[in-house]
C-alpha atoms as a PDB file:
ATOM      1  CA  MET A   1       6.666 -23.956  -4.658  1.00  0.00           C
ATOM      2  CA  ASP A   2       3.190 -24.813  -3.305  1.00  0.00           C
ATOM      3  CA  ILE A   3       2.079 -21.660  -1.495  1.00  0.00           C
ATOM      4  CA  LEU A   4      -0.871 -23.208   0.357  1.00  0.00           C
ATOM      5  CA  SER A   5       1.047 -26.255   1.631  1.00  0.00           C
ATOM      6  CA  GLU A   6       4.028 -24.152   2.731  1.00  0.00           C
ATOM      7  CA  THR A   7       1.798 -21.680   4.556  1.00  0.00           C
ATOM      8  CA  ILE A   8      -0.062 -24.363   6.496  1.00  0.00           C
ATOM      9  CA  ALA A   9       3.201 -26.111   7.401  1.00  0.00           C
ATOM     10  CA  ALA A  10       4.616 -22.834   8.726  1.00  0.00           C
ATOM     11  CA  ILE A  11       1.795 -22.209  11.202  1.00  0.00           C
ATOM     12  CA  ARG A  12       0.912 -25.781  12.213  1.00  0.00           C
ATOM     13  CA  THR A  13       2.176 -27.244  15.480  1.00  0.00           C
ATOM     14  CA  GLY A  14       1.377 -30.395  17.420  1.00  0.00           C
ATOM     15  CA  ASN A  15      -0.808 -33.188  16.080  1.00  0.00           C
ATOM     16  CA  PRO A  16      -4.389 -32.949  14.819  1.00  0.00           C
ATOM     17  CA  ALA A  17      -7.180 -34.566  16.818  1.00  0.00           C
ATOM     18  CA  SER A  18     -10.433 -36.141  15.648  1.00  0.00           C
ATOM     19  CA  GLY A  19     -13.223 -38.438  16.746  1.00  0.00           C
ATOM     20  CA  MET A  20     -16.696 -39.724  16.010  1.00  0.00           C
ATOM     21  CA  PHE A  21     -19.543 -38.094  17.902  1.00  0.00           C
ATOM     22  CA  VAL A  22     -22.993 -39.748  18.052  1.00  0.00           C
ATOM     23  CA  ARG A  23     -26.077 -38.477  19.864  1.00  0.00           C
ATOM     24  CA  HIS A  24     -29.819 -39.111  19.771  1.00  0.00           C
ATOM     25  CA  ALA A  25     -32.359 -36.273  19.857  1.00  0.00           C
ATOM     26  CA  PRO A  26     -32.807 -34.168  21.814  1.00  0.00           C
ATOM     27  CA  TRP A  27     -29.218 -33.020  22.343  1.00  0.00           C
ATOM     28  CA  GLY A  28     -27.173 -29.832  22.569  1.00  0.00           C
ATOM     29  CA  ARG A  29     -23.413 -29.499  22.843  1.00  0.00           C
ATOM     30  CA  ARG A  30     -21.209 -26.449  23.417  1.00  0.00           C
ATOM     31  CA  TYR A  31     -17.749 -26.124  21.844  1.00  0.00           C
ATOM     32  CA  PRO A  32     -15.485 -23.548  23.541  1.00  0.00           C
ATOM     33  CA  VAL A  33     -12.770 -21.717  21.627  1.00  0.00           C
ATOM     34  CA  VAL A  34      -9.828 -23.955  20.685  1.00  0.00           C
ATOM     35  CA  PRO A  35      -6.209 -22.821  20.102  1.00  0.00           C
ATOM     36  CA  GLY A  36      -6.281 -23.532  16.385  1.00  0.00           C
ATOM     37  CA  ALA A  37      -8.766 -24.536  13.696  1.00  0.00           C
ATOM     38  CA  GLY A  38     -11.671 -26.971  13.978  1.00  0.00           C
ATOM     39  CA  PHE A  39     -14.146 -28.797  11.780  1.00  0.00           C
ATOM     40  CA  HIS A  40     -17.329 -30.857  11.804  1.00  0.00           C
ATOM     41  CA  VAL A  41     -18.524 -33.290   9.135  1.00  0.00           C
ATOM     42  CA  MET A  42     -22.162 -34.386   9.258  1.00  0.00           C
ATOM     43  CA  LEU A  43     -22.275 -38.109   8.481  1.00  0.00           C
ATOM     44  CA  GLN A  44     -25.839 -38.984   9.426  1.00  0.00           C
ATOM     45  CA  GLY A  45     -28.890 -36.988  10.421  1.00  0.00           C
ATOM     46  CA  SER A  46     -28.838 -33.217  10.704  1.00  0.00           C
ATOM     47  CA  CYS A  47     -28.166 -30.472  13.219  1.00  0.00           C
ATOM     48  CA  TRP A  48     -27.865 -26.724  13.683  1.00  0.00           C
ATOM     49  CA  VAL A  49     -24.748 -24.686  14.361  1.00  0.00           C
ATOM     50  CA  VAL A  50     -25.504 -21.736  16.641  1.00  0.00           C
ATOM     51  CA  THR A  51     -22.810 -19.060  16.355  1.00  0.00           C
ATOM     52  CA  PRO A  52     -22.254 -16.103  18.709  1.00  0.00           C
ATOM     53  CA  ASP A  53     -23.106 -13.411  16.169  1.00  0.00           C
ATOM     54  CA  GLY A  54     -24.580 -14.874  12.999  1.00  0.00           C
ATOM     55  CA  GLU A  55     -27.634 -16.757  11.801  1.00  0.00           C
ATOM     56  CA  PRO A  56     -27.830 -20.474  12.709  1.00  0.00           C
ATOM     57  CA  ILE A  57     -26.307 -22.769  10.087  1.00  0.00           C
ATOM     58  CA  ALA A  58     -28.150 -25.954   9.093  1.00  0.00           C
ATOM     59  CA  LEU A  59     -25.930 -29.000   8.526  1.00  0.00           C
ATOM     60  CA  GLY A  60     -27.175 -31.960   6.499  1.00  0.00           C
ATOM     61  CA  PRO A  61     -25.576 -35.292   5.549  1.00  0.00           C
ATOM     62  CA  GLY A  62     -22.174 -34.745   3.952  1.00  0.00           C
ATOM     63  CA  ASP A  63     -21.900 -31.075   4.915  1.00  0.00           C
ATOM     64  CA  VAL A  64     -18.557 -29.775   6.210  1.00  0.00           C
ATOM     65  CA  LEU A  65     -18.146 -26.873   8.639  1.00  0.00           C
ATOM     66  CA  PHE A  66     -14.658 -25.376   9.053  1.00  0.00           C
ATOM     67  CA  MET A  67     -13.673 -22.913  11.808  1.00  0.00           C
ATOM     68  CA  PRO A  68     -10.292 -21.391  10.827  1.00  0.00           C
ATOM     69  CA  ARG A  69      -9.759 -19.806  14.243  1.00  0.00           C
ATOM     70  CA  GLY A  70     -11.557 -22.354  16.414  1.00  0.00           C
ATOM     71  CA  ALA A  71     -14.477 -20.049  17.266  1.00  0.00           C
ATOM     72  CA  ASN A  72     -16.850 -21.054  20.052  1.00  0.00           C
ATOM     73  CA  HIS A  73     -20.235 -22.374  18.950  1.00  0.00           C
ATOM     74  CA  VAL A  74     -23.066 -24.738  19.840  1.00  0.00           C
ATOM     75  CA  LEU A  75     -24.399 -27.802  18.014  1.00  0.00           C
ATOM     76  CA  VAL A  76     -28.029 -28.784  18.596  1.00  0.00           C
ATOM     77  CA  ASP A  77     -30.391 -31.214  16.932  1.00  0.00           C
ATOM     78  CA  SER A  78     -33.132 -28.563  17.026  1.00  0.00           C
ATOM     79  CA  LEU A  79     -33.041 -24.851  17.744  1.00  0.00           C
ATOM     80  CA  ASP A  80     -35.321 -25.336  20.735  1.00  0.00           C
ATOM     81  CA  SER A  81     -33.253 -28.139  22.313  1.00  0.00           C
ATOM     82  CA  PRO A  82     -31.379 -27.331  25.547  1.00  0.00           C
ATOM     83  CA  VAL A  83     -27.579 -27.324  25.614  1.00  0.00           C
ATOM     84  CA  THR A  84     -26.625 -29.972  28.164  1.00  0.00           C
ATOM     85  CA  GLU A  85     -22.998 -30.792  27.282  1.00  0.00           C
ATOM     86  CA  THR A  86     -19.668 -29.052  26.841  1.00  0.00           C
ATOM     87  CA  ALA A  87     -16.978 -30.729  24.735  1.00  0.00           C
ATOM     88  CA  ARG A  88     -14.308 -32.195  27.007  1.00  0.00           C
ATOM     89  CA  PRO A  89     -11.538 -34.770  26.548  1.00  0.00           C
ATOM     90  CA  GLY A  90     -12.463 -38.315  27.513  1.00  0.00           C
ATOM     91  CA  GLU A  91     -16.249 -38.021  27.298  1.00  0.00           C
ATOM     92  CA  PRO A  92     -18.498 -40.722  25.764  1.00  0.00           C
ATOM     93  CA  ARG A  93     -18.448 -40.806  21.997  1.00  0.00           C
ATOM     94  CA  GLU A  94     -22.008 -42.141  21.798  1.00  0.00           C
ATOM     95  CA  ILE A  95     -25.012 -41.632  24.042  1.00  0.00           C
ATOM     96  CA  VAL A  96     -28.023 -43.706  23.016  1.00  0.00           C
ATOM     97  CA  GLY A  97     -31.562 -42.485  23.244  1.00  0.00           C
ATOM     98  CA  PRO A  98     -35.017 -42.737  21.691  1.00  0.00           C
ATOM     99  CA  GLY A  99     -34.700 -39.836  19.240  1.00  0.00           C
ATOM    100  CA  VAL A 100     -33.251 -39.431  15.764  1.00  0.00           C
ATOM    101  CA  ARG A 101     -29.579 -40.441  15.487  1.00  0.00           C
ATOM    102  CA  ALA A 102     -26.966 -37.867  14.497  1.00  0.00           C
ATOM    103  CA  ALA A 103     -23.364 -38.818  13.703  1.00  0.00           C
ATOM    104  CA  LEU A 104     -20.500 -36.393  13.073  1.00  0.00           C
ATOM    105  CA  VAL A 105     -16.751 -36.517  12.680  1.00  0.00           C
ATOM    106  CA  CYS A 106     -15.242 -33.642  14.638  1.00  0.00           C
ATOM    107  CA  GLY A 107     -11.626 -32.541  14.645  1.00  0.00           C
ATOM    108  CA  ALA A 108      -9.154 -29.796  15.449  1.00  0.00           C
ATOM    109  CA  TYR A 109      -5.744 -28.604  14.310  1.00  0.00           C
ATOM    110  CA  GLU A 110      -3.369 -26.868  16.688  1.00  0.00           C
ATOM    111  CA  LEU A 111      -1.869 -23.712  15.211  1.00  0.00           C
ATOM    112  CA  GLY A 112       0.971 -21.650  16.632  1.00  0.00           C
ATOM    113  CA  ARG A 113      -0.747 -19.058  18.793  1.00  0.00           C
ATOM    114  CA  ASN A 114       1.824 -16.390  17.970  1.00  0.00           C
ATOM    115  CA  ARG A 115       2.297 -17.212  14.276  1.00  0.00           C
ATOM    116  CA  SER A 116      -0.534 -15.872  12.150  1.00  0.00           C
ATOM    117  CA  HIS A 117      -0.777 -15.622   8.383  1.00  0.00           C
ATOM    118  CA  PRO A 118      -3.163 -13.450   6.360  1.00  0.00           C
ATOM    119  CA  LEU A 119      -4.303 -16.467   4.348  1.00  0.00           C
ATOM    120  CA  LEU A 120      -6.112 -17.764   7.434  1.00  0.00           C
ATOM    121  CA  ASP A 121      -6.626 -14.417   9.130  1.00  0.00           C
ATOM    122  CA  GLU A 122      -8.925 -13.163   6.359  1.00  0.00           C
ATOM    123  CA  LEU A 123     -11.207 -16.226   6.357  1.00  0.00           C
ATOM    124  CA  PRO A 124     -14.671 -15.952   7.946  1.00  0.00           C
ATOM    125  CA  GLU A 125     -15.154 -17.476  11.388  1.00  0.00           C
ATOM    126  CA  PHE A 126     -17.373 -20.234   9.965  1.00  0.00           C
ATOM    127  CA  ILE A 127     -17.054 -21.772   6.506  1.00  0.00           C
ATOM    128  CA  HIS A 128     -19.967 -23.972   5.444  1.00  0.00           C
ATOM    129  CA  LEU A 129     -19.251 -26.349   2.561  1.00  0.00           C
ATOM    130  CA  PRO A 130     -22.565 -28.024   1.718  1.00  0.00           C
ATOM    131  CA  ALA A 131     -22.612 -31.448   0.108  1.00  0.00           C
ATOM    132  CA  ARG A 132     -23.595 -30.928  -3.533  1.00  0.00           C
ATOM    133  CA  PRO A 133     -23.471 -33.593  -6.258  1.00  0.00           C
ATOM    134  CA  GLY A 134     -20.304 -33.201  -8.296  1.00  0.00           C
ATOM    135  CA  ARG A 135     -18.792 -30.450  -6.111  1.00  0.00           C
ATOM    136  CA  HIS A 136     -15.383 -30.893  -4.479  1.00  0.00           C
ATOM    137  CA  PRO A 137     -14.966 -34.644  -5.126  1.00  0.00           C
ATOM    138  CA  ALA A 138     -11.510 -34.716  -3.505  1.00  0.00           C
ATOM    139  CA  LEU A 139     -12.922 -33.265  -0.274  1.00  0.00           C
ATOM    140  CA  ARG A 140     -15.732 -35.830  -0.293  1.00  0.00           C
ATOM    141  CA  ALA A 141     -13.268 -38.671  -0.833  1.00  0.00           C
ATOM    142  CA  ALA A 142     -11.106 -37.497   2.082  1.00  0.00           C
ATOM    143  CA  VAL A 143     -14.174 -37.237   4.329  1.00  0.00           C
ATOM    144  CA  ASP A 144     -15.271 -40.771   3.424  1.00  0.00           C
ATOM    145  CA  LEU A 145     -11.820 -42.241   4.064  1.00  0.00           C
ATOM    146  CA  LEU A 146     -11.475 -40.447   7.411  1.00  0.00           C
ATOM    147  CA  ALA A 147     -14.945 -41.520   8.566  1.00  0.00           C
ATOM    148  CA  THR A 148     -14.217 -45.144   7.662  1.00  0.00           C
ATOM    149  CA  GLU A 149     -10.896 -45.191   9.524  1.00  0.00           C
ATOM    150  CA  ILE A 150     -12.466 -43.694  12.648  1.00  0.00           C
ATOM    151  CA  ALA A 151     -15.547 -45.947  12.604  1.00  0.00           C
ATOM    152  CA  GLU A 152     -13.721 -49.158  11.654  1.00  0.00           C
ATOM    153  CA  PRO A 153     -10.111 -49.102  12.934  1.00  0.00           C
ATOM    154  CA  ARG A 154      -7.750 -51.529  11.209  1.00  0.00           C
ATOM    155  CA  PRO A 155      -3.991 -52.157  11.230  1.00  0.00           C
ATOM    156  CA  GLY A 156      -2.390 -48.876  10.193  1.00  0.00           C
ATOM    157  CA  THR A 157      -5.255 -46.647  11.346  1.00  0.00           C
ATOM    158  CA  ASP A 158      -3.031 -44.730  13.792  1.00  0.00           C
ATOM    159  CA  ALA A 159      -0.818 -43.674  10.881  1.00  0.00           C
ATOM    160  CA  ALA A 160      -3.641 -43.156   8.402  1.00  0.00           C
ATOM    161  CA  ILE A 161      -5.783 -40.773  10.473  1.00  0.00           C
ATOM    162  CA  PRO A 162      -3.192 -37.980  10.963  1.00  0.00           C
ATOM    163  CA  ALA A 163      -2.334 -38.103   7.256  1.00  0.00           C
ATOM    164  CA  LEU A 164      -6.016 -37.946   6.306  1.00  0.00           C
ATOM    165  CA  LEU A 165      -6.584 -35.031   8.705  1.00  0.00           C
ATOM    166  CA  ASP A 166      -3.729 -33.101   7.079  1.00  0.00           C
ATOM    167  CA  THR A 167      -5.218 -33.837   3.666  1.00  0.00           C
ATOM    168  CA  LEU A 168      -8.683 -32.806   4.824  1.00  0.00           C
ATOM    169  CA  LEU A 169      -7.389 -29.430   6.039  1.00  0.00           C
ATOM    170  CA  LEU A 170      -5.869 -28.644   2.644  1.00  0.00           C
ATOM    171  CA  PHE A 171      -8.978 -29.847   0.801  1.00  0.00           C
ATOM    172  CA  MET A 172     -11.285 -27.712   2.970  1.00  0.00           C
ATOM    173  CA  LEU A 173      -9.187 -24.648   2.219  1.00  0.00           C
ATOM    174  CA  ARG A 174      -8.950 -25.548  -1.470  1.00  0.00           C
ATOM    175  CA  ALA A 175     -12.735 -25.974  -1.664  1.00  0.00           C
ATOM    176  CA  TRP A 176     -13.287 -22.572  -0.048  1.00  0.00           C
ATOM    177  CA  PHE A 177     -10.893 -20.822  -2.412  1.00  0.00           C
ATOM    178  CA  ASP A 178     -12.549 -22.592  -5.346  1.00  0.00           C
ATOM    179  CA  GLU A 179     -15.900 -21.249  -4.155  1.00  0.00           C
ATOM    180  CA  GLN A 180     -14.388 -17.738  -4.129  1.00  0.00           C
ATOM    181  CA  ALA A 181     -12.763 -18.102  -7.545  1.00  0.00           C
ATOM    182  CA  GLU A 182     -14.691 -15.140  -8.971  1.00  0.00           C
ATOM    183  CA  GLU A 183     -13.286 -12.817  -6.298  1.00  0.00           C
ATOM    184  CA  SER A 184     -10.510 -10.486  -7.466  1.00  0.00           C
ATOM    185  CA  SER A 185      -9.432  -9.481  -3.949  1.00  0.00           C
ATOM    186  CA  GLY A 186      -8.099 -11.424  -0.970  1.00  0.00           C
ATOM    187  CA  TRP A 187      -6.112 -14.632  -1.126  1.00  0.00           C
ATOM    188  CA  ALA A 188      -8.606 -16.210  -3.504  1.00  0.00           C
ATOM    189  CA  GLY A 189      -7.579 -13.481  -5.935  1.00  0.00           C
ATOM    190  CA  ALA A 190      -3.881 -14.034  -5.159  1.00  0.00           C
ATOM    191  CA  PHE A 191      -4.115 -17.690  -6.187  1.00  0.00           C
ATOM    192  CA  THR A 192      -5.859 -16.868  -9.478  1.00  0.00           C
ATOM    193  CA  ASP A 193      -3.762 -13.817 -10.427  1.00  0.00           C
ATOM    194  CA  PRO A 194      -0.785 -15.250 -12.373  1.00  0.00           C
ATOM    195  CA  ALA A 195       1.516 -12.340 -11.538  1.00  0.00           C
ATOM    196  CA  VAL A 196       0.801 -12.338  -7.805  1.00  0.00           C
ATOM    197  CA  ALA A 197       1.000 -16.137  -7.604  1.00  0.00           C
ATOM    198  CA  ALA A 198       4.380 -16.084  -9.379  1.00  0.00           C
ATOM    199  CA  ALA A 199       5.719 -13.465  -6.950  1.00  0.00           C
ATOM    200  CA  LEU A 200       4.480 -15.461  -3.969  1.00  0.00           C
ATOM    201  CA  ARG A 201       6.130 -18.627  -5.258  1.00  0.00           C
ATOM    202  CA  ALA A 202       9.391 -16.739  -5.670  1.00  0.00           C
ATOM    203  CA  ILE A 203       9.241 -15.324  -2.127  1.00  0.00           C
ATOM    204  CA  HIS A 204       8.381 -18.695  -0.610  1.00  0.00           C
ATOM    205  CA  GLY A 205      11.030 -20.447  -2.664  1.00  0.00           C
ATOM    206  CA  GLU A 206      13.881 -18.078  -1.801  1.00  0.00           C
ATOM    207  CA  PRO A 207      13.202 -16.216   1.457  1.00  0.00           C
ATOM    208  CA  GLU A 208      16.962 -15.670   1.822  1.00  0.00           C
ATOM    209  CA  ARG A 209      17.145 -13.546  -1.327  1.00  0.00           C
ATOM    210  CA  ALA A 210      17.315  -9.754  -0.998  1.00  0.00           C
ATOM    211  CA  TRP A 211      14.189  -9.221  -3.064  1.00  0.00           C
ATOM    212  CA  THR A 212      13.257  -5.875  -4.571  1.00  0.00           C
ATOM    213  CA  VAL A 213       9.908  -4.997  -6.103  1.00  0.00           C
ATOM    214  CA  PRO A 214      11.430  -4.636  -9.612  1.00  0.00           C
ATOM    215  CA  GLU A 215      12.960  -8.123  -9.294  1.00  0.00           C
ATOM    216  CA  LEU A 216       9.635  -9.600  -8.213  1.00  0.00           C
ATOM    217  CA  GLY A 217       7.920  -7.743 -11.049  1.00  0.00           C
ATOM    218  CA  ALA A 218      10.364  -9.296 -13.497  1.00  0.00           C
ATOM    219  CA  VAL A 219       9.651 -12.764 -12.119  1.00  0.00           C
ATOM    220  CA  ALA A 220       5.905 -12.076 -12.408  1.00  0.00           C
ATOM    221  CA  GLY A 221       6.200 -10.619 -15.905  1.00  0.00           C
ATOM    222  CA  VAL A 222       4.645  -7.253 -15.038  1.00  0.00           C
ATOM    223  CA  SER A 223       5.880  -3.783 -14.141  1.00  0.00           C
ATOM    224  CA  ARG A 224       6.923  -2.834 -10.631  1.00  0.00           C
ATOM    225  CA  ALA A 225       3.869  -0.585 -10.201  1.00  0.00           C
ATOM    226  CA  THR A 226       1.447  -3.216 -11.508  1.00  0.00           C
ATOM    227  CA  LEU A 227       2.795  -5.917  -9.212  1.00  0.00           C
ATOM    228  CA  ALA A 228       2.769  -3.621  -6.175  1.00  0.00           C
ATOM    229  CA  ARG A 229      -0.849  -2.666  -6.836  1.00  0.00           C
ATOM    230  CA  ARG A 230      -2.154  -6.178  -7.526  1.00  0.00           C
ATOM    231  CA  PHE A 231      -0.098  -7.799  -4.751  1.00  0.00           C
ATOM    232  CA  THR A 232      -1.300  -5.346  -2.113  1.00  0.00           C
ATOM    233  CA  ALA A 233      -4.930  -5.646  -3.256  1.00  0.00           C
ATOM    234  CA  THR A 234      -4.953  -9.447  -2.947  1.00  0.00           C
ATOM    235  CA  VAL A 235      -2.379 -10.376  -0.281  1.00  0.00           C
ATOM    236  CA  GLY A 236      -3.272  -7.414   1.920  1.00  0.00           C
ATOM    237  CA  GLU A 237       0.193  -5.895   2.275  1.00  0.00           C
ATOM    238  CA  PRO A 238       2.988  -4.652  -0.048  1.00  0.00           C
ATOM    239  CA  PRO A 239       5.416  -7.204  -1.529  1.00  0.00           C
ATOM    240  CA  LEU A 240       8.392  -6.367   0.693  1.00  0.00           C
ATOM    241  CA  SER A 241       6.256  -6.380   3.834  1.00  0.00           C
ATOM    242  CA  TYR A 242       5.185  -9.889   2.909  1.00  0.00           C
ATOM    243  CA  VAL A 243       8.825 -10.855   2.301  1.00  0.00           C
ATOM    244  CA  THR A 244       9.564  -9.911   5.912  1.00  0.00           C
ATOM    245  CA  ARG A 245       6.485 -11.752   7.185  1.00  0.00           C
ATOM    246  CA  TRP A 246       7.433 -14.937   5.327  1.00  0.00           C
ATOM    247  CA  ARG A 247      11.042 -14.712   6.527  1.00  0.00           C
ATOM    248  CA  MET A 248       9.874 -14.519  10.145  1.00  0.00           C
ATOM    249  CA  LEU A 249       7.411 -17.397   9.725  1.00  0.00           C
ATOM    250  CA  SER A 250      10.124 -19.502   8.090  1.00  0.00           C
ATOM    251  CA  ALA A 251      12.540 -18.656  10.904  1.00  0.00           C
ATOM    252  CA  ALA A 252       9.962 -19.557  13.543  1.00  0.00           C
ATOM    253  CA  ARG A 253       9.400 -22.906  11.846  1.00  0.00           C
ATOM    254  CA  LEU A 254      13.140 -23.624  11.768  1.00  0.00           C
ATOM    255  CA  LEU A 255      13.437 -22.723  15.449  1.00  0.00           C
ATOM    256  CA  ARG A 256      10.469 -24.920  16.279  1.00  0.00           C
ATOM    257  CA  GLU A 257      11.353 -27.983  14.220  1.00  0.00           C
ATOM    258  CA  THR A 258      15.158 -28.074  14.041  1.00  0.00           C
ATOM    259  CA  ASN A 259      18.310 -27.549  16.071  1.00  0.00           C
ATOM    260  CA  THR A 260      19.823 -25.331  13.384  1.00  0.00           C
ATOM    261  CA  PRO A 261      22.196 -22.767  14.972  1.00  0.00           C
ATOM    262  CA  LEU A 262      20.842 -19.227  15.133  1.00  0.00           C
ATOM    263  CA  ALA A 263      23.473 -17.909  12.729  1.00  0.00           C
ATOM    264  CA  SER A 264      22.395 -20.496  10.140  1.00  0.00           C
ATOM    265  CA  VAL A 265      18.713 -19.709  10.684  1.00  0.00           C
ATOM    266  CA  ALA A 266      19.525 -16.041  10.102  1.00  0.00           C
ATOM    267  CA  ARG A 267      21.257 -16.806   6.781  1.00  0.00           C
ATOM    268  CA  LYS A 268      18.446 -19.112   5.615  1.00  0.00           C
ATOM    269  CA  VAL A 269      15.955 -16.257   5.945  1.00  0.00           C
ATOM    270  CA  GLY A 270      18.087 -13.519   4.407  1.00  0.00           C
ATOM    271  CA  TYR A 271      20.031 -11.980   7.303  1.00  0.00           C
ATOM    272  CA  GLN A 272      23.832 -11.908   7.136  1.00  0.00           C
ATOM    273  CA  SER A 273      24.049 -10.750  10.743  1.00  0.00           C
ATOM    274  CA  GLU A 274      22.712 -12.785  13.646  1.00  0.00           C
ATOM    275  CA  PHE A 275      22.212  -9.504  15.501  1.00  0.00           C
ATOM    276  CA  ALA A 276      20.065  -8.020  12.701  1.00  0.00           C
ATOM    277  CA  PHE A 277      18.025 -11.232  12.557  1.00  0.00           C
ATOM    278  CA  ALA A 278      17.483 -11.292  16.326  1.00  0.00           C
ATOM    279  CA  LYS A 279      16.363  -7.670  16.280  1.00  0.00           C
ATOM    280  CA  ALA A 280      13.845  -8.293  13.460  1.00  0.00           C
ATOM    281  CA  PHE A 281      12.593 -11.490  15.093  1.00  0.00           C
ATOM    282  CA  LYS A 282      12.053  -9.822  18.466  1.00  0.00           C
ATOM    283  CA  ARG A 283      10.190  -6.982  16.781  1.00  0.00           C
ATOM    284  CA  GLU A 284       7.824  -9.543  15.218  1.00  0.00           C
ATOM    285  CA  TYR A 285       7.388 -12.016  18.105  1.00  0.00           C
ATOM    286  CA  GLY A 286       8.280 -10.006  21.192  1.00  0.00           C
ATOM    287  CA  GLN A 287      11.127 -12.243  22.268  1.00  0.00           C
ATOM    288  CA  ALA A 288      14.618 -13.215  21.156  1.00  0.00           C
ATOM    289  CA  PRO A 289      14.984 -16.262  18.849  1.00  0.00           C
ATOM    290  CA  GLY A 290      16.758 -18.352  21.486  1.00  0.00           C
ATOM    291  CA  HIS A 291      14.064 -17.709  24.059  1.00  0.00           C
ATOM    292  CA  TYR A 292      11.357 -18.421  21.475  1.00  0.00           C
ATOM    293  CA  ARG A 293      12.953 -21.784  20.699  1.00  0.00           C
ATOM    294  CA  ARG A 294      13.029 -22.747  24.380  1.00  0.00           C
ATOM    295  CA  SER A 295       9.508 -21.553  25.150  1.00  0.00           C
ATOM    296  CA  GLU A 296       7.652 -22.620  22.024  1.00  0.00           C
ATOM    297  CA  ASP A 297       3.975 -23.552  22.396  1.00  0.00           C
ATOM    298  CA  ARG A 298       3.347 -26.787  24.237  1.00  0.00           C
ATOM    299  CA  PRO A 299       0.708 -29.097  22.736  1.00  0.00           C
ATOM    300  CA  ALA A 300      -2.752 -28.277  24.024  1.00  0.00           C
ATOM    301  CA  VAL A 301      -5.401 -30.813  24.985  1.00  0.00           C
ATOM    302  CA  ILE A 302      -8.225 -30.192  22.533  1.00  0.00           C
ATOM    303  CA  ALA A 303     -11.640 -31.788  22.931  1.00  0.00           C
ATOM    304  CA  VAL A 304     -13.388 -32.805  19.726  1.00  0.00           C
END
């Protein structure tokens, strides 16, 4: 069971969006908060990212910036350039001018606004992945393929771009966790701790099972106390609390993506009683499963 892929699939909704953005100095562009995650890839030239609370971030050719929660920010060619644009759907992709050319690929992923997961919740607002020789070759390859498809559309581009965007999201997250490989806490630690990773795979693989901490400890090959301590330190909550979280996320995904009857959804996530499932679901999401299915998030229009 691939924990990262399953987690992203559980909280994704709608289709990703992307586009090429070209400006000539001087330029400044504001990006409001988006209902999901966003990214920028610097293809040519350079720019600055001005964040609400932190130091400006310099982007050079090949650099990737990932915003896990779609935080608002500003892009400018120079820190003293005025901000004259706000990202909106349907605006010109290129505005020519006399100054230095800057080209970026920008994109966004819609995430369920009421389905969070600690894997993304614990990430910083802005993740800068600088282009370094020999670092993250898979991410670089995905960036190159995406940029080529956007700049030079060919037969099949409409199918290729969404697939490449999904791949890029996973590679950005993988690169970040690789950068944090020395960390013993947080989800970076969960991926590198064999016992915690084994327990997570078991939970994700069988959410319907009535797990106990001793059973998870046996799967992980450690004692109950050791697993509870290491799991809580990395994942951020005790094993059985995470079991409940993953059950609810799995149920929400089934309600969103299938017409599976509520009684069957309940059984698939470990509840023998539809009533008990509905009660747990409402406690987590504030509404009954049937109402959630009917009122699930509508796709948002996201400017990139």
